[in-house]
Structure formats: structure tokens, C-alpha cells
Amino acid sequence: MSRQLSNRIKRTILALLNGSIMRENLDAIAGCSNSPNLISGLRRKGLSIPCEKVERFDKDENSCWPGRYSFTADDKVLANNWLQENHNDFI
């Protein structure tokens, strides 16, 4: 079964295949302003995409815990399969 992937999804998959990504960085990479919603959609399609909370400090030096997304080994296999199915139309 062929799965049509949007360019936003392809950018997200390629980025996560290269390593973990902070939520705010994924917004810029994917070209969206709500990457948690984008990740939620990918999870509904079968990917796990764990989110690790990591301590950071905001502009006022207050501790905060933003998320960092990554692929599991199974996610990498599935995502690579999706990209292979779409290799002819990738831009």
C-alpha cells in the first residue's frame, strides 16, 4: 500500500532519522507552528516517537521542561519504508 506523504511530514521524518530534536526546533524544520500536533498525527499512523522532557532555562533563568522527540528503532524502519514508497515524488 502506497502512503502519500506531505513535504512537511517528509521533512519531519528526515530530521528525526538524523537524531533527536527539541520541539521548538522541529517547528522550524517541519515548517509549522504546532509540531506536537504533527507528532500526534504521526503517532496515529503507527509511529511511537517518544518525547523526553529535558530541563532547560527560559530567558528569566527559570527552569522549564520542554520536550525532545526521537525515533525508536521500529520507528526508523517504518519511516524509512514510508520514504522508500515515496522516493519518486520527494522534493
N, C-alpha and C. Protein backbone atom coordinates (compact mmCIF):
# COMPACT_ATOMS: atom_id res chain seq x y z
N MET A 1 0.84 -1.19 0.00
CA MET A 1 0.00 0.00 0.00
C MET A 1 0.88 1.24 0.00
N SER A 2 0.68 2.10 -0.94
CA SER A 2 1.46 3.32 -1.02
C SER A 2 0.85 4.40 -0.13
N ARG A 3 1.67 5.10 0.59
CA ARG A 3 1.25 6.15 1.51
C ARG A 3 1.80 7.48 0.99
N GLN A 4 0.93 8.41 0.67
CA GLN A 4 1.34 9.72 0.19
C GLN A 4 1.76 10.57 1.38
N LEU A 5 2.98 11.08 1.37
CA LEU A 5 3.50 11.90 2.46
C LEU A 5 3.61 13.35 2.01
N SER A 6 3.16 14.25 2.87
CA SER A 6 3.32 15.67 2.58
C SER A 6 4.78 16.05 2.76
N ASN A 7 5.17 17.17 2.19
CA ASN A 7 6.54 17.64 2.34
C ASN A 7 6.85 17.91 3.81
N ARG A 8 5.88 18.41 4.56
CA ARG A 8 6.06 18.66 5.99
C ARG A 8 6.41 17.36 6.73
N ILE A 9 5.67 16.31 6.41
CA ILE A 9 5.92 15.01 7.03
C ILE A 9 7.29 14.48 6.61
N LYS A 10 7.64 14.62 5.36
CA LYS A 10 8.94 14.15 4.89
C LYS A 10 10.07 14.88 5.59
N ARG A 11 9.95 16.20 5.76
CA ARG A 11 10.99 16.96 6.45
C ARG A 11 11.12 16.49 7.91
N THR A 12 9.98 16.22 8.52
CA THR A 12 9.98 15.76 9.91
C THR A 12 10.64 14.39 10.04
N ILE A 13 10.27 13.48 9.16
CA ILE A 13 10.84 12.13 9.18
C ILE A 13 12.35 12.19 8.96
N LEU A 14 12.79 12.92 7.96
CA LEU A 14 14.22 13.02 7.67
C LEU A 14 14.99 13.60 8.85
N ALA A 15 14.41 14.60 9.49
CA ALA A 15 15.07 15.21 10.65
C ALA A 15 15.18 14.21 11.80
N LEU A 16 14.10 13.49 12.08
CA LEU A 16 14.12 12.54 13.19
C LEU A 16 14.99 11.33 12.89
N LEU A 17 15.14 10.99 11.63
CA LEU A 17 16.06 9.91 11.27
C LEU A 17 17.50 10.29 11.57
N ASN A 18 17.78 11.59 11.61
CA ASN A 18 19.13 12.08 11.90
C ASN A 18 19.41 12.24 13.39
N GLY A 19 18.38 12.10 14.23
CA GLY A 19 18.59 12.22 15.67
C GLY A 19 17.43 12.91 16.36
N SER A 20 17.56 13.06 17.66
CA SER A 20 16.50 13.68 18.45
C SER A 20 16.44 15.18 18.18
N ILE A 21 15.24 15.74 18.37
CA ILE A 21 15.01 17.15 18.04
C ILE A 21 14.14 17.79 19.12
N MET A 22 14.55 18.96 19.57
CA MET A 22 13.73 19.72 20.50
C MET A 22 12.47 20.20 19.79
N ARG A 23 11.40 20.29 20.54
CA ARG A 23 10.10 20.66 19.98
C ARG A 23 10.16 21.97 19.20
N GLU A 24 10.75 23.01 19.77
CA GLU A 24 10.77 24.31 19.09
C GLU A 24 11.60 24.26 17.81
N ASN A 25 12.62 23.42 17.77
CA ASN A 25 13.42 23.28 16.55
C ASN A 25 12.63 22.54 15.47
N LEU A 26 11.81 21.59 15.90
CA LEU A 26 11.02 20.84 14.93
C LEU A 26 10.01 21.73 14.22
N ASP A 27 9.48 22.73 14.91
CA ASP A 27 8.58 23.69 14.26
C ASP A 27 9.25 24.30 13.02
N ALA A 28 10.48 24.76 13.20
CA ALA A 28 11.21 25.40 12.10
C ALA A 28 11.56 24.41 11.01
N ILE A 29 11.97 23.22 11.38
CA ILE A 29 12.36 22.20 10.40
C ILE A 29 11.16 21.76 9.58
N ALA A 30 10.06 21.48 10.25
CA ALA A 30 8.87 20.98 9.56
C ALA A 30 8.15 22.07 8.79
N GLY A 31 8.30 23.31 9.24
CA GLY A 31 7.59 24.41 8.60
C GLY A 31 6.19 24.57 9.16
N CYS A 32 6.06 24.37 10.46
CA CYS A 32 4.75 24.53 11.10
C CYS A 32 4.93 25.25 12.43
N SER A 33 3.84 25.61 13.07
CA SER A 33 3.94 26.27 14.37
C SER A 33 3.36 25.41 15.48
N ASN A 34 3.04 24.15 15.18
CA ASN A 34 2.47 23.26 16.18
C ASN A 34 2.98 21.83 15.96
N SER A 35 4.27 21.64 16.18
CA SER A 35 4.84 20.31 15.95
C SER A 35 4.25 19.24 16.87
N PRO A 36 3.77 19.54 18.10
CA PRO A 36 3.11 18.48 18.86
C PRO A 36 1.91 17.89 18.13
N ASN A 37 1.17 18.71 17.42
CA ASN A 37 0.04 18.21 16.63
C ASN A 37 0.54 17.35 15.47
N LEU A 38 1.61 17.76 14.85
CA LEU A 38 2.22 16.99 13.76
C LEU A 38 2.67 15.62 14.27
N ILE A 39 3.33 15.60 15.41
CA ILE A 39 3.80 14.35 16.02
C ILE A 39 2.61 13.47 16.39
N SER A 40 1.57 14.07 16.92
CA SER A 40 0.35 13.30 17.27
C SER A 40 -0.22 12.59 16.05
N GLY A 41 -0.24 13.27 14.91
CA GLY A 41 -0.72 12.66 13.68
C GLY A 41 0.15 11.49 13.24
N LEU A 42 1.46 11.62 13.39
CA LEU A 42 2.36 10.52 13.04
C LEU A 42 2.18 9.34 13.99
N ARG A 43 1.90 9.63 15.23
CA ARG A 43 1.64 8.54 16.18
C ARG A 43 0.37 7.78 15.81
N ARG A 44 -0.64 8.50 15.36
CA ARG A 44 -1.88 7.84 14.94
C ARG A 44 -1.65 6.95 13.72
N LYS A 45 -0.62 7.23 12.95
CA LYS A 45 -0.28 6.43 11.77
C LYS A 45 0.64 5.26 12.10
N GLY A 46 1.02 5.11 13.38
CA GLY A 46 1.78 3.94 13.78
C GLY A 46 3.16 4.15 14.36
N LEU A 47 3.66 5.39 14.33
CA LEU A 47 4.98 5.65 14.91
C LEU A 47 4.85 5.90 16.41
N SER A 48 5.87 5.56 17.16
CA SER A 48 5.86 5.78 18.62
C SER A 48 6.31 7.19 18.99
N ILE A 49 7.43 7.62 18.46
CA ILE A 49 8.03 8.93 18.67
C ILE A 49 7.97 9.35 20.14
N PRO A 50 8.81 8.76 20.98
CA PRO A 50 8.85 9.17 22.38
C PRO A 50 9.23 10.64 22.53
N CYS A 51 8.76 11.23 23.62
CA CYS A 51 9.09 12.62 23.94
C CYS A 51 9.73 12.63 25.33
N GLU A 52 10.99 12.98 25.36
CA GLU A 52 11.71 13.07 26.61
C GLU A 52 11.67 14.52 27.10
N LYS A 53 11.30 14.72 28.34
CA LYS A 53 11.31 16.06 28.92
C LYS A 53 12.72 16.35 29.42
N VAL A 54 13.28 17.46 28.96
CA VAL A 54 14.65 17.82 29.34
C VAL A 54 14.64 19.20 29.99
N GLU A 55 15.47 19.34 31.01
CA GLU A 55 15.50 20.62 31.73
C GLU A 55 16.23 21.68 30.91
N ARG A 56 15.61 22.81 30.79
CA ARG A 56 16.19 23.98 30.15
C ARG A 56 15.86 25.18 31.02
N PHE A 57 16.40 26.32 30.67
CA PHE A 57 16.14 27.54 31.42
C PHE A 57 15.64 28.61 30.46
N ASP A 58 14.56 29.27 30.85
CA ASP A 58 13.97 30.30 30.00
C ASP A 58 14.77 31.60 30.10
N LYS A 59 14.29 32.64 29.45
CA LYS A 59 15.00 33.92 29.43
C LYS A 59 15.17 34.54 30.81
N ASP A 60 14.29 34.16 31.72
CA ASP A 60 14.36 34.69 33.09
C ASP A 60 15.10 33.75 34.03
N GLU A 61 15.78 32.74 33.46
CA GLU A 61 16.56 31.76 34.21
C GLU A 61 15.68 30.85 35.08
N ASN A 62 14.42 30.71 34.72
CA ASN A 62 13.54 29.77 35.39
C ASN A 62 13.66 28.41 34.71
N SER A 63 13.64 27.37 35.52
CA SER A 63 13.70 26.01 34.99
C SER A 63 12.41 25.67 34.27
N CYS A 64 12.52 25.02 33.12
CA CYS A 64 11.35 24.55 32.39
C CYS A 64 11.71 23.20 31.76
N TRP A 65 10.72 22.48 31.29
CA TRP A 65 10.93 21.11 30.82
C TRP A 65 10.32 20.89 29.44
N PRO A 66 10.92 21.45 28.38
CA PRO A 66 10.40 21.21 27.03
C PRO A 66 10.69 19.78 26.57
N GLY A 67 10.01 19.38 25.52
CA GLY A 67 10.16 18.03 25.01
C GLY A 67 11.19 17.90 23.90
N ARG A 68 11.79 16.73 23.85
CA ARG A 68 12.72 16.38 22.78
C ARG A 68 12.22 15.06 22.17
N TYR A 69 11.89 15.12 20.87
CA TYR A 69 11.36 13.97 20.16
C TYR A 69 12.47 13.13 19.56
N SER A 70 12.21 11.83 19.46
CA SER A 70 13.16 10.93 18.80
C SER A 70 12.40 9.73 18.25
N PHE A 71 13.05 9.02 17.34
CA PHE A 71 12.50 7.78 16.80
C PHE A 71 13.02 6.59 17.59
N THR A 72 12.18 5.59 17.75
CA THR A 72 12.62 4.29 18.24
C THR A 72 13.23 3.54 17.05
N ALA A 73 13.84 2.40 17.32
CA ALA A 73 14.38 1.58 16.24
C ALA A 73 13.27 1.15 15.29
N ASP A 74 12.11 0.78 15.84
CA ASP A 74 10.97 0.39 15.00
C ASP A 74 10.45 1.57 14.18
N ASP A 75 10.44 2.76 14.78
CA ASP A 75 10.02 3.97 14.05
C ASP A 75 10.92 4.19 12.84
N LYS A 76 12.21 4.00 13.00
CA LYS A 76 13.15 4.22 11.90
C LYS A 76 12.88 3.27 10.74
N VAL A 77 12.58 2.03 11.05
CA VAL A 77 12.27 1.06 10.00
C VAL A 77 11.00 1.49 9.26
N LEU A 78 9.95 1.79 10.00
CA LEU A 78 8.68 2.17 9.38
C LEU A 78 8.82 3.46 8.58
N ALA A 79 9.50 4.45 9.15
CA ALA A 79 9.67 5.73 8.46
C ALA A 79 10.49 5.57 7.18
N ASN A 80 11.53 4.77 7.23
CA ASN A 80 12.32 4.52 6.02
C ASN A 80 11.49 3.82 4.95
N ASN A 81 10.63 2.91 5.37
CA ASN A 81 9.72 2.25 4.41
C ASN A 81 8.80 3.27 3.76
N TRP A 82 8.27 4.19 4.55
CA TRP A 82 7.39 5.22 4.00
C TRP A 82 8.13 6.08 2.99
N LEU A 83 9.36 6.45 3.31
CA LEU A 83 10.15 7.27 2.39
C LEU A 83 10.46 6.51 1.11
N GLN A 84 10.74 5.23 1.20
CA GLN A 84 11.00 4.42 0.01
C GLN A 84 9.78 4.37 -0.89
N GLU A 85 8.60 4.28 -0.30
CA GLU A 85 7.37 4.26 -1.09
C GLU A 85 7.14 5.58 -1.81
N ASN A 86 7.72 6.66 -1.28
CA ASN A 86 7.51 7.99 -1.83
C ASN A 86 8.74 8.58 -2.50
N HIS A 87 9.74 7.77 -2.78
CA HIS A 87 11.01 8.29 -3.28
C HIS A 87 10.88 9.04 -4.60
N ASN A 88 9.94 8.68 -5.42
CA ASN A 88 9.83 9.33 -6.74
C ASN A 88 9.26 10.75 -6.66
N ASP A 89 8.48 11.04 -5.60
CA ASP A 89 7.86 12.36 -5.55
C ASP A 89 8.44 13.22 -4.44
N PHE A 90 9.58 12.84 -3.88
CA PHE A 90 10.18 13.64 -2.81
C PHE A 90 10.84 14.89 -3.38
N ILE A 91 10.56 16.00 -2.75
CA ILE A 91 11.16 17.28 -3.15
C ILE A 91 11.94 17.83 -1.98
